[in-house]
Structure formats: structure tokens, C-alpha cells
Amino acid sequence: MLSESFLDYIKKESLFERNEHLLLAISGGVDSVVLAHLLRHIGFHFSLAHMNFQLRGEESDKDQEYVESLASELGVPIHVKKVEIQKEKGSTQLQARNLRYKWFEELMLCHSYDKLLTAHHANDQFETVLFNLSRGSGIKGFRGMLPLQNKIARPLLFASKKEIIEYAENEEIDWREDASNETDHYNRNKIRHHIIPQFENLNPNVIKGFQQTSLKMRAAEQAYNNKLDQLKTKFFILTDGEVKIKRSILDIDFPIVYLSDLLSDFDFSLNQLQSFDFDRVGAQLYSNSHMLIVDRKFIFVNIRGEKTKQEFPQELKIESKLIHTSIGKFKINILDKEEVDFAKNQKLVFIDLESINGTLELDYWQEGDKIQPLGMKGKKKISDILIDQKVPLHQKENKLVLKSEGEVVWLVGHKFSDLFKVKDSTKKVLRIEHYENS
């Protein structure tokens, strides 16, 4: 008996309780109408919500009239809203879905409904998975819709379309037919009318059989997500707004599959990662929003930062107190030598004011740039210093240098030039401190 299986399914999946206030999305079709009758028969507290898209003219209005009549028959409240689809704005189905669920959210909030109920059934579930399969999908796509997700409950997922129609006929329940469901205009209808019948020819019980498969896929998804959490804990390091991944993650089984999901939030796809050379130090991969770089021990993932030619090079005026840039701010003070506390800090430099010729200029370092590090007599390439200090590849290109008349005064955050150090004869000291953006 469908009503008994219905109640068992609700209890087994913990979909909702008898004291909860439910909102049922109803079209007037057999699925949602049967769901309304089942809810009323068992004694749940619910209201109906019907959106009239006015896509079928008089037929759409008759759908609305029927649903309003059904609400009166069942003795339950109803919400109705008329909307217009703007076909020039793209997919009718997508617009309809967005309008419908936005309105449902508003009703849930305004009337304090506990759950939104939809009448998706086992055939819908099979269609969804086949559709996802046609587009390429992971475990989530293959397990289909969940019985309960984000306060949306689907209490008919256990039942086939055939069982729902048989129940309606046995209980002498009438419903409205949507003629658009009979066309092949939408891809889902093509699956429904042409592909699923072929499966049923091979196995008449394919829908019921798939329900078991879907349940196993839910279990597999949970195990897979647990594995992702374990890998994230073991191999991922979050520091200073960047993601560091230990390269040893590449030694596990199916590393690229796991990485594709772990990096999905950064817009990297499985196809991209499969064709990428993770064995080459220095290899770089770009998504729309992020960059991935392979270093010696780590894989770095950062937001893509485009150098702005309009901002750099930038003059640092000595008389200024604070200079703001996209990579932080620079605080500038002129002090008497006696006032200086020569604290050792890589983000702080003290410059003999008289050693500066002309202006100070802040810019990204370039290949060929050199500096004479403090305490050394000869000059050293900036590139070699960054290698010596094991600066990750993805950070190297964003390092700044402070120059005076083309001479590197400071590799910001790393090395200060001996040519500009404070001497015994120094009277005035230029103190510059760099604060990174938080």
C-alpha cells in the first residue's frame, strides 16, 4: 500500500515530524496531487504553493483553478502567485526554477514553514542520474537527489511513476495533465520518452533496481567525502591566505581524482589536472580565479594577482607619512640618528638619508636586478637571493624592490643594501616599514 510505504519512508529518512509545518510545491500534476492527498490522509499539517507561469494561456489558469479547488477540498491553506517568463532572457526552465524556488524561500521565511516538499519520485531520480551521466559527473551526480537536503524533503523518491498513477486511479483522484510533458522539446523529456523505455525493455524492474544503486551511491559518497576530509587534514596547509599542498599527496592512489574535488572551489577541473605535469618543478596551471604552481616540496594555490602597470612603478615621496599599494602599505618617517631603535626586522629598514639621490621608487623586481647585501662588498642577483631564501615560485614574481636612481636599496622583506646603511657620519635616518595587507 502506497500510504504505508510513504509513512515508512518518511520515518526511515527522518524527513519531517507530525508537528512540523510543511509547504508543498504543487503543479496540479498527478505526482504533487497524490502527495497532497497522502499528507492529508495521514494527518500532516501542510499548505500548498502554486506558481502560475502563464506559459500555456487558458490551460495554465485552469491548473491554478484546479489547485485552488483542491486546497478547498483538502481544507488546507494555499499560496498562489502569477509570474511572466521573459523568453528573450534565456532558458524557460531555468527561469521558472529560479522564480519558483526564490518564492518558496520567501514563503518559508515569512510563514515559518519547517520544510519544503516536492513530489520528485523514483523515475525522476533515474532521469536525473542519466542526465548527469550524459554531461559527465562524479559520485554526487550518480547518487541523484537526496531525500532531504537544505530543508527540501522529497518523500516520494521511493515510489515509481506507475505506483503513483495506480494509487490515484484506485483512490479516484483526478489531476491535471501538462501537454508540454509529452513533447521532446526538453532533454529530460527525451530521456523519459526514449531512453528509459529501452532500459525497461531490458529489465522491467530497472527503476526499483536503481533505487538500491542510489542508496549504495549515497554510502559511497559519504565514504568519499570522509576520505577528502582526511586528505585535506593530512596534506593541506593554510597560511597567510594561501594554500600549500604537500607534494607527497601525489603518491596516494588516484591523486588527481581527489585533487580535482579538493581544488574544485578554485575552479580547477579534472580534465585540467589530468593533463598537467605535476613532476616538473616550476610548472604552472591557471584557472579563471587561481594559479597553481609546483615547487620542490609543495603545490601552491593562490588567487591570480595581475600586476597593475598603472600602480607600479610607484614613487615613494620622503615627505609622505603613509603610502598605500595593492600589496600593503609603507610607513615613512625621518628621524634623527639618536632617535633610532635599530630593531632587526625584515619588514623594516633604516636608510642614511644623505645616501639617497633623487627619489625613491617602488617596483616589481626584474630579471638582472642586483643588490649589494648588507655586509657584502659585491652585488648579488635578486633571482639568486630568492632561490637561496627558498621563496616559493608563485611568490617570487610579486616581490618588490625599492630603488634610488636605479640602484636597489631594499628587496622588500628580504635584503637591504650595504650602500645605503646608516654610518657613523649619518645625521638623518629614513625609516621605512612595510605592512602587508591582512
Protein backbone atom coordinates (compact mmCIF):
# COMPACT_ATOMS: atom_id res chain seq x y z
CA MET A 1 0.00 0.00 0.00
CA LEU A 2 1.49 3.32 -1.07
CA SER A 3 0.33 5.20 2.04
CA GLU A 4 2.09 2.71 4.34
CA SER A 5 5.31 2.77 2.30
CA PHE A 6 5.04 6.56 2.27
CA LEU A 7 4.97 6.80 6.07
CA ASP A 8 7.73 4.21 6.44
CA TYR A 9 9.96 6.18 4.07
CA ILE A 10 9.39 9.43 5.96
CA LYS A 11 10.36 7.75 9.23
CA LYS A 12 13.34 5.87 7.77
CA GLU A 13 14.82 9.01 6.20
CA SER A 14 13.76 11.30 9.10
CA LEU A 15 12.20 13.71 6.61
CA PHE A 16 9.78 15.51 8.92
CA GLU A 17 7.63 15.11 12.03
CA ARG A 18 3.88 15.34 12.52
CA ASN A 19 4.17 18.61 14.44
CA GLU A 20 6.13 20.34 11.68
CA HIS A 21 4.58 22.98 9.42
CA LEU A 22 5.08 21.88 5.80
CA LEU A 23 4.87 23.68 2.46
CA LEU A 24 4.07 21.53 -0.59
CA ALA A 25 5.06 22.78 -4.05
CA ILE A 26 2.14 21.75 -6.25
CA SER A 27 1.65 21.97 -10.00
CA GLY A 28 -1.63 20.13 -10.37
CA GLY A 29 0.02 17.09 -11.94
CA VAL A 30 -0.51 13.58 -10.62
CA ASP A 31 2.71 13.46 -8.54
CA SER A 32 2.12 16.56 -6.41
CA VAL A 33 -1.64 15.93 -6.18
CA VAL A 34 -1.10 12.39 -4.87
CA LEU A 35 1.46 13.75 -2.40
CA ALA A 36 -1.12 16.26 -1.14
CA HIS A 37 -3.70 13.50 -0.65
CA LEU A 38 -1.19 11.28 1.18
CA LEU A 39 -0.24 14.10 3.54
CA ARG A 40 -3.90 14.87 4.25
CA HIS A 41 -4.78 11.19 4.70
CA ILE A 42 -2.06 10.64 7.30
CA GLY A 43 -2.73 13.93 9.08
CA PHE A 44 0.28 16.12 8.45
CA HIS A 45 -0.01 19.91 8.73
CA PHE A 46 0.75 21.50 5.37
CA SER A 47 -0.03 24.32 2.95
CA LEU A 48 0.10 24.39 -0.84
CA ALA A 49 2.16 26.71 -3.04
CA HIS A 50 1.35 27.05 -6.74
CA MET A 51 3.12 29.31 -9.22
CA ASN A 52 1.29 30.14 -12.44
CA PHE A 53 3.85 30.83 -15.17
CA GLN A 54 1.13 31.64 -17.74
CA LEU A 55 3.05 29.70 -20.41
CA ARG A 56 0.01 27.76 -21.67
CA GLY A 57 -2.60 30.52 -21.60
CA GLU A 58 -6.00 29.26 -20.52
CA GLU A 59 -4.59 25.86 -19.54
CA SER A 60 -2.27 27.49 -17.01
CA ASP A 61 -5.22 29.33 -15.47
CA LYS A 62 -7.17 26.07 -15.28
CA ASP A 63 -4.22 24.49 -13.44
CA GLN A 64 -4.44 27.31 -10.91
CA GLU A 65 -8.20 26.94 -10.54
CA TYR A 66 -7.84 23.19 -10.03
CA VAL A 67 -5.17 23.60 -7.32
CA GLU A 68 -7.26 26.24 -5.53
CA SER A 69 -10.23 23.86 -5.63
CA LEU A 70 -8.04 21.02 -4.29
CA ALA A 71 -6.89 23.20 -1.37
CA SER A 72 -10.54 23.87 -0.50
CA GLU A 73 -11.37 20.16 -0.78
CA LEU A 74 -8.48 19.16 1.49
CA GLY A 75 -9.08 22.05 3.88
CA VAL A 76 -5.54 23.41 3.70
CA PRO A 77 -4.17 26.95 3.09
CA ILE A 78 -2.80 27.82 -0.35
CA HIS A 79 -0.40 30.40 -1.76
CA VAL A 80 -0.70 31.34 -5.45
CA LYS A 81 1.50 33.64 -7.49
CA LYS A 82 1.31 34.62 -11.17
CA VAL A 83 4.58 35.41 -12.97
CA GLU A 84 5.70 36.02 -16.53
CA ILE A 85 8.66 34.27 -18.12
CA GLN A 86 10.79 36.52 -20.34
CA LYS A 87 11.77 34.13 -23.11
CA GLU A 88 14.34 36.56 -24.52
CA LYS A 89 16.34 36.13 -21.30
CA GLY A 90 17.22 32.51 -22.00
CA SER A 91 16.13 29.10 -20.75
CA THR A 92 12.45 28.99 -19.81
CA GLN A 93 13.05 26.03 -17.50
CA LEU A 94 15.91 27.74 -15.67
CA GLN A 95 13.97 30.97 -15.23
CA ALA A 96 10.95 29.05 -13.96
CA ARG A 97 13.03 27.10 -11.48
CA ASN A 98 14.76 30.21 -10.14
CA LEU A 99 11.49 32.13 -9.78
CA ARG A 100 9.79 29.18 -8.11
CA TYR A 101 12.48 28.48 -5.53
CA LYS A 102 13.03 32.15 -4.73
CA TRP A 103 9.33 32.44 -3.97
CA PHE A 104 9.36 29.25 -1.91
CA GLU A 105 12.22 30.65 0.18
CA GLU A 106 10.22 33.82 0.81
CA LEU A 107 7.16 31.80 1.88
CA MET A 108 9.26 29.58 4.16
CA LEU A 109 10.68 32.64 5.88
CA CYS A 110 7.50 34.71 6.12
CA HIS A 111 5.25 31.88 7.32
CA SER A 112 7.79 29.89 9.36
CA TYR A 113 7.45 26.65 7.40
CA ASP A 114 9.79 23.91 8.60
CA LYS A 115 10.21 22.02 5.33
CA LEU A 116 9.52 22.45 1.63
CA LEU A 117 8.13 19.30 -0.01
CA THR A 118 8.49 18.40 -3.67
CA ALA A 119 6.91 15.44 -5.46
CA HIS A 120 10.04 14.02 -7.14
CA HIS A 121 9.74 10.26 -7.49
CA ALA A 122 11.91 7.27 -8.44
CA ASN A 123 11.54 7.85 -12.19
CA ASP A 124 12.64 11.48 -11.75
CA GLN A 125 15.64 10.18 -9.84
CA PHE A 126 16.62 7.82 -12.64
CA GLU A 127 16.16 10.59 -15.24
CA THR A 128 18.36 12.92 -13.18
CA VAL A 129 21.18 10.40 -12.96
CA LEU A 130 21.03 9.58 -16.68
CA PHE A 131 21.06 13.29 -17.46
CA ASN A 132 24.09 13.79 -15.18
CA LEU A 133 25.77 10.80 -16.83
CA SER A 134 25.32 12.39 -20.26
CA ARG A 135 27.15 15.51 -19.07
CA GLY A 136 29.86 13.73 -17.11
CA SER A 137 29.54 13.55 -13.36
CA GLY A 138 31.10 12.35 -10.13
CA ILE A 139 29.60 10.37 -7.27
CA LYS A 140 27.25 13.22 -6.35
CA GLY A 141 25.69 13.19 -9.82
CA PHE A 142 25.33 9.41 -9.86
CA ARG A 143 23.56 9.19 -6.49
CA GLY A 144 20.92 11.66 -7.67
CA MET A 145 18.66 13.74 -5.45
CA LEU A 146 18.75 13.32 -1.68
CA PRO A 147 15.55 12.59 0.26
CA LEU A 148 16.31 15.60 2.48
CA GLN A 149 18.61 18.47 1.58
CA ASN A 150 18.62 22.04 2.91
CA LYS A 151 15.08 21.77 4.30
CA ILE A 152 13.80 20.39 0.98
CA ALA A 153 12.17 16.98 1.51
CA ARG A 154 11.29 14.55 -1.29
CA PRO A 155 9.01 11.96 0.35
CA LEU A 156 8.03 10.19 -2.91
CA LEU A 157 11.54 9.22 -4.06
CA PHE A 158 10.80 5.64 -3.05
CA ALA A 159 7.79 5.35 -5.41
CA SER A 160 7.74 4.81 -9.16
CA LYS A 161 5.57 6.85 -11.51
CA LYS A 162 3.50 3.72 -12.16
CA GLU A 163 2.78 3.27 -8.44
CA ILE A 164 1.73 6.91 -8.10
CA ILE A 165 -0.70 6.71 -11.03
CA GLU A 166 -2.14 3.42 -9.76
CA TYR A 167 -2.76 4.99 -6.36
CA ALA A 168 -4.51 7.99 -7.96
CA GLU A 169 -6.71 5.72 -10.05
CA ASN A 170 -7.58 3.42 -7.14
CA GLU A 171 -8.45 6.37 -4.92
CA GLU A 172 -10.34 8.08 -7.78
CA ILE A 173 -8.14 11.15 -7.58
CA ASP A 174 -8.18 13.41 -10.61
CA TRP A 175 -5.31 15.63 -11.73
CA ARG A 176 -4.21 17.99 -14.48
CA GLU A 177 -2.03 16.91 -17.42
CA ASP A 178 0.65 19.27 -18.73
CA ALA A 179 0.85 18.84 -22.51
CA SER A 180 4.45 20.12 -22.54
CA ASN A 181 5.48 16.93 -20.73
CA GLU A 182 4.58 14.95 -23.82
CA THR A 183 6.91 16.81 -26.20
CA ASP A 184 10.61 16.17 -26.79
CA HIS A 185 11.45 19.87 -26.58
CA TYR A 186 13.40 19.38 -23.33
CA ASN A 187 16.31 16.95 -22.88
CA ARG A 188 14.72 15.40 -19.81
CA ASN A 189 11.63 14.53 -21.86
CA LYS A 190 13.85 12.80 -24.44
CA ILE A 191 15.33 10.68 -21.65
CA ARG A 192 11.85 9.98 -20.26
CA HIS A 193 10.22 9.07 -23.56
CA HIS A 194 13.00 7.29 -25.43
CA ILE A 195 15.86 6.17 -23.18
CA ILE A 196 14.14 4.90 -20.04
CA PRO A 197 11.70 2.72 -22.05
CA GLN A 198 14.73 0.98 -23.57
CA PHE A 199 16.05 0.21 -20.09
CA GLU A 200 12.61 -1.08 -19.08
CA ASN A 201 12.59 -3.36 -22.12
CA LEU A 202 15.82 -4.88 -20.83
CA ASN A 203 14.60 -5.03 -17.24
CA PRO A 204 11.01 -4.13 -16.27
CA ASN A 205 12.19 -3.56 -12.68
CA VAL A 206 15.01 -1.19 -13.60
CA ILE A 207 13.52 1.71 -11.57
CA LYS A 208 13.27 -0.36 -8.39
CA GLY A 209 16.72 -1.78 -9.01
CA PHE A 210 18.18 1.67 -9.41
CA GLN A 211 16.83 2.68 -6.01
CA GLN A 212 19.22 0.19 -4.44
CA THR A 213 22.05 1.54 -6.57
CA SER A 214 21.23 5.09 -5.49
CA LEU A 215 21.33 4.06 -1.83
CA LYS A 216 24.75 2.46 -2.33
CA MET A 217 25.97 5.61 -4.09
CA ARG A 218 24.88 7.69 -1.10
CA ALA A 219 27.02 5.45 1.11
CA ALA A 220 29.91 5.68 -1.36
CA GLU A 221 29.62 9.48 -1.44
CA GLN A 222 29.80 9.66 2.34
CA ALA A 223 32.90 7.44 2.40
CA TYR A 224 34.47 9.50 -0.40
CA ASN A 225 33.81 12.78 1.41
CA ASN A 226 35.31 11.35 4.59
CA LYS A 227 38.40 10.46 2.57
CA LEU A 228 38.58 14.02 1.20
CA ASP A 229 38.44 15.40 4.74
CA GLN A 230 41.27 13.09 5.80
CA LEU A 231 43.42 14.12 2.83
CA LYS A 232 42.77 17.79 3.47
CA THR A 233 43.83 17.42 7.09
CA LYS A 234 46.95 15.44 6.19
CA PHE A 235 48.23 17.28 3.12
CA PHE A 236 46.76 20.81 3.08
CA ILE A 237 48.30 23.75 4.94
CA LEU A 238 46.53 27.12 5.06
CA THR A 239 48.87 30.01 5.76
CA ASP A 240 48.83 33.75 5.03
CA GLY A 241 45.86 33.42 2.72
CA GLU A 242 47.48 30.77 0.51
CA VAL A 243 47.01 27.03 0.18
CA LYS A 244 50.04 24.76 0.42
CA ILE A 245 49.62 21.11 -0.55
CA LYS A 246 52.33 18.60 0.30
CA ARG A 247 53.60 17.06 -2.93
CA SER A 248 53.53 13.65 -1.25
CA ILE A 249 49.78 13.64 -1.93
CA LEU A 250 50.76 12.57 -5.45
CA ASP A 251 51.94 9.23 -4.03
CA ILE A 252 48.46 8.06 -2.98
CA ASP A 253 46.16 6.04 -5.25
CA PHE A 254 44.16 8.18 -7.72
CA PRO A 255 45.65 11.50 -6.53
CA ILE A 256 44.32 13.56 -9.46
CA VAL A 257 40.76 12.39 -8.83
CA TYR A 258 40.94 13.53 -5.22
CA LEU A 259 42.72 16.76 -6.12
CA SER A 260 40.02 17.61 -8.66
CA ASP A 261 37.45 17.69 -5.87
CA LEU A 262 39.74 19.27 -3.30
CA LEU A 263 40.54 22.06 -5.78
CA SER A 264 37.07 22.46 -7.26
CA ASP A 265 36.46 25.60 -5.19
CA PHE A 266 39.41 27.16 -7.04
CA ASP A 267 37.88 26.39 -10.48
CA PHE A 268 40.31 23.61 -11.42
CA SER A 269 38.74 20.71 -13.33
CA LEU A 270 39.66 17.04 -13.60
CA ASN A 271 40.49 17.50 -17.30
CA GLN A 272 42.93 20.31 -16.49
CA LEU A 273 44.66 18.36 -13.73
CA GLN A 274 44.91 15.16 -15.80
CA SER A 275 46.92 16.94 -18.49
CA PHE A 276 49.14 18.85 -16.06
CA ASP A 277 52.76 17.84 -15.33
CA PHE A 278 52.97 17.65 -11.52
CA ASP A 279 56.50 16.20 -11.73
CA ARG A 280 58.07 19.36 -13.16
CA VAL A 281 59.17 21.90 -10.56
CA GLY A 282 58.02 25.32 -11.69
CA ALA A 283 55.07 24.03 -13.72
CA GLN A 284 52.12 26.42 -13.57
CA LEU A 285 48.41 25.91 -14.12
CA TYR A 286 45.75 28.62 -14.25
CA SER A 287 42.01 28.57 -13.65
CA ASN A 288 39.73 31.56 -14.07
CA SER A 289 40.38 32.64 -10.49
CA HIS A 290 43.53 30.92 -9.23
CA MET A 291 47.03 29.82 -10.13
CA LEU A 292 48.66 26.52 -9.17
CA ILE A 293 52.46 26.19 -9.05
CA VAL A 294 54.56 23.11 -8.35
CA ASP A 295 57.54 23.71 -6.07
CA ARG A 296 60.09 21.33 -4.58
CA LYS A 297 58.04 20.09 -1.63
CA PHE A 298 54.70 21.81 -2.08
CA ILE A 299 51.99 22.61 -4.58
CA PHE A 300 50.87 26.21 -4.07
CA VAL A 301 47.42 27.57 -4.91
CA ASN A 302 46.86 31.32 -4.89
CA ILE A 303 44.38 33.84 -6.17
CA ARG A 304 45.55 35.12 -9.51
CA GLY A 305 47.16 38.50 -8.98
CA GLU A 306 47.61 40.59 -12.07
CA LYS A 307 50.36 43.21 -11.88
CA THR A 308 48.87 46.62 -12.43
CA LYS A 309 51.04 48.75 -14.69
CA GLN A 310 49.06 51.77 -13.59
CA GLU A 311 50.22 51.29 -9.98
CA PHE A 312 53.88 50.27 -10.39
CA PRO A 313 56.47 51.64 -10.53
CA GLN A 314 55.38 53.99 -7.78
CA GLU A 315 57.29 56.89 -6.28
CA LEU A 316 57.75 56.92 -2.51
CA LYS A 317 57.90 60.54 -1.51
CA ILE A 318 60.10 61.08 1.51
CA GLU A 319 57.79 63.73 2.93
CA SER A 320 54.85 61.29 2.90
CA LYS A 321 53.80 59.51 6.08
CA LEU A 322 51.96 56.55 4.59
CA ILE A 323 51.92 55.03 1.10
CA HIS A 324 49.18 52.54 0.15
CA THR A 325 49.68 49.86 -2.52
CA SER A 326 47.85 46.69 -3.58
CA ILE A 327 50.38 44.58 -1.66
CA GLY A 328 50.31 46.58 1.54
CA LYS A 329 51.31 49.96 2.94
CA PHE A 330 54.62 51.65 3.63
CA LYS A 331 55.06 53.91 6.65
CA ILE A 332 57.79 56.54 6.25
CA ASN A 333 59.46 58.60 8.97
CA ILE A 334 62.52 60.86 9.07
CA LEU A 335 64.36 60.61 12.38
CA ASP A 336 67.49 61.93 14.00
CA LYS A 337 70.07 59.18 14.30
CA GLU A 338 69.83 59.32 18.10
CA GLU A 339 66.10 58.56 17.93
CA VAL A 340 66.51 55.32 16.02
CA ASP A 341 65.94 51.94 17.66
CA PHE A 342 67.76 49.64 15.26
CA ALA A 343 65.44 46.67 15.71
CA LYS A 344 66.14 43.71 13.44
CA ASN A 345 63.05 43.25 11.31
CA GLN A 346 62.85 42.11 7.68
CA LYS A 347 59.89 44.42 7.14
CA LEU A 348 61.77 47.47 8.43
CA VAL A 349 64.79 49.36 7.03
CA PHE A 350 66.86 52.34 8.14
CA ILE A 351 68.42 54.38 5.34
CA ASP A 352 71.07 57.06 5.50
CA LEU A 353 69.02 59.98 4.19
CA GLU A 354 72.03 61.60 2.51
CA SER A 355 72.78 58.42 0.53
CA ILE A 356 69.57 58.81 -1.47
CA ASN A 357 69.96 60.53 -4.80
CA GLY A 358 66.73 61.96 -6.15
CA THR A 359 63.60 59.96 -5.44
CA LEU A 360 62.75 56.51 -4.16
CA GLU A 361 60.84 54.21 -6.49
CA LEU A 362 58.91 51.06 -5.63
CA ASP A 363 58.56 48.42 -8.36
CA TYR A 364 58.42 44.70 -9.07
CA TRP A 365 61.89 43.24 -9.41
CA GLN A 366 63.12 42.43 -12.92
CA GLU A 367 65.50 39.83 -14.26
CA GLY A 368 69.00 41.27 -14.00
CA ASP A 369 68.28 43.35 -10.88
CA LYS A 370 71.12 43.17 -8.33
CA ILE A 371 71.69 44.33 -4.79
CA GLN A 372 74.79 44.62 -2.58
CA PRO A 373 73.52 42.89 0.59
CA LEU A 374 74.39 44.40 3.94
CA GLY A 375 77.92 43.39 5.00
CA MET A 376 78.96 42.26 1.49
CA LYS A 377 81.30 44.00 -0.97
CA GLY A 378 79.95 42.59 -4.18
CA LYS A 379 76.48 42.54 -5.71
CA LYS A 380 74.17 39.56 -5.99
CA LYS A 381 71.27 38.88 -8.33
CA ILE A 382 67.81 39.25 -6.84
CA SER A 383 66.82 35.97 -8.50
CA ASP A 384 69.65 34.13 -6.70
CA ILE A 385 68.67 35.63 -3.34
CA LEU A 386 65.08 34.48 -3.76
CA ILE A 387 66.32 30.98 -4.59
CA ASP A 388 68.70 30.96 -1.58
CA GLN A 389 65.85 32.01 0.70
CA LYS A 390 63.60 29.31 -0.76
CA VAL A 391 60.90 31.75 -1.76
CA PRO A 392 58.12 29.74 -3.45
CA LEU A 393 57.84 30.21 -7.20
CA HIS A 394 54.36 31.71 -7.04
CA GLN A 395 55.60 34.40 -4.62
CA LYS A 396 58.77 35.33 -6.49
CA GLU A 397 57.10 37.27 -9.27
CA ASN A 398 55.30 39.50 -6.75
CA LYS A 399 58.38 40.61 -4.80
CA LEU A 400 59.04 44.35 -4.72
CA VAL A 401 62.26 46.33 -4.73
CA LEU A 402 62.88 49.88 -3.54
CA LYS A 403 65.26 51.78 -5.83
CA SER A 404 67.10 55.09 -5.78
CA GLU A 405 68.22 56.28 -9.22
CA GLY A 406 68.08 52.68 -10.46
CA GLU A 407 70.12 51.29 -7.55
CA VAL A 408 68.35 48.66 -5.46
CA VAL A 409 68.06 49.89 -1.89
CA TRP A 410 65.84 47.15 -0.50
CA LEU A 411 64.50 43.79 -1.65
CA VAL A 412 61.36 44.28 0.41
CA GLY A 413 61.09 41.77 3.21
CA HIS A 414 64.45 40.13 2.43
CA LYS A 415 67.70 42.09 1.88
CA PHE A 416 68.89 45.68 2.46
CA SER A 417 71.73 47.28 0.52
CA ASP A 418 75.05 47.99 2.20
CA LEU A 419 75.32 51.12 0.04
CA PHE A 420 72.52 52.85 1.94
CA LYS A 421 73.26 51.74 5.51
CA VAL A 422 73.41 54.13 8.44
CA LYS A 423 77.04 55.16 9.11
CA ASP A 424 78.86 56.90 11.94
CA SER A 425 78.62 60.16 9.99
CA THR A 426 74.85 59.78 9.42
CA LYS A 427 72.71 62.56 10.86
CA LYS A 428 69.24 61.88 9.48
CA VAL A 429 67.70 58.43 9.06
CA LEU A 430 64.85 57.45 6.79
CA ARG A 431 62.78 54.73 8.50
CA ILE A 432 60.51 52.69 6.19
CA GLU A 433 58.26 49.90 7.41
CA HIS A 434 56.16 47.59 5.24
CA TYR A 435 52.77 46.30 6.43
CA GLU A 436 51.21 43.52 4.36
CA ASN A 437 47.51 43.54 3.59
CA SER A 438 45.63 41.45 6.14
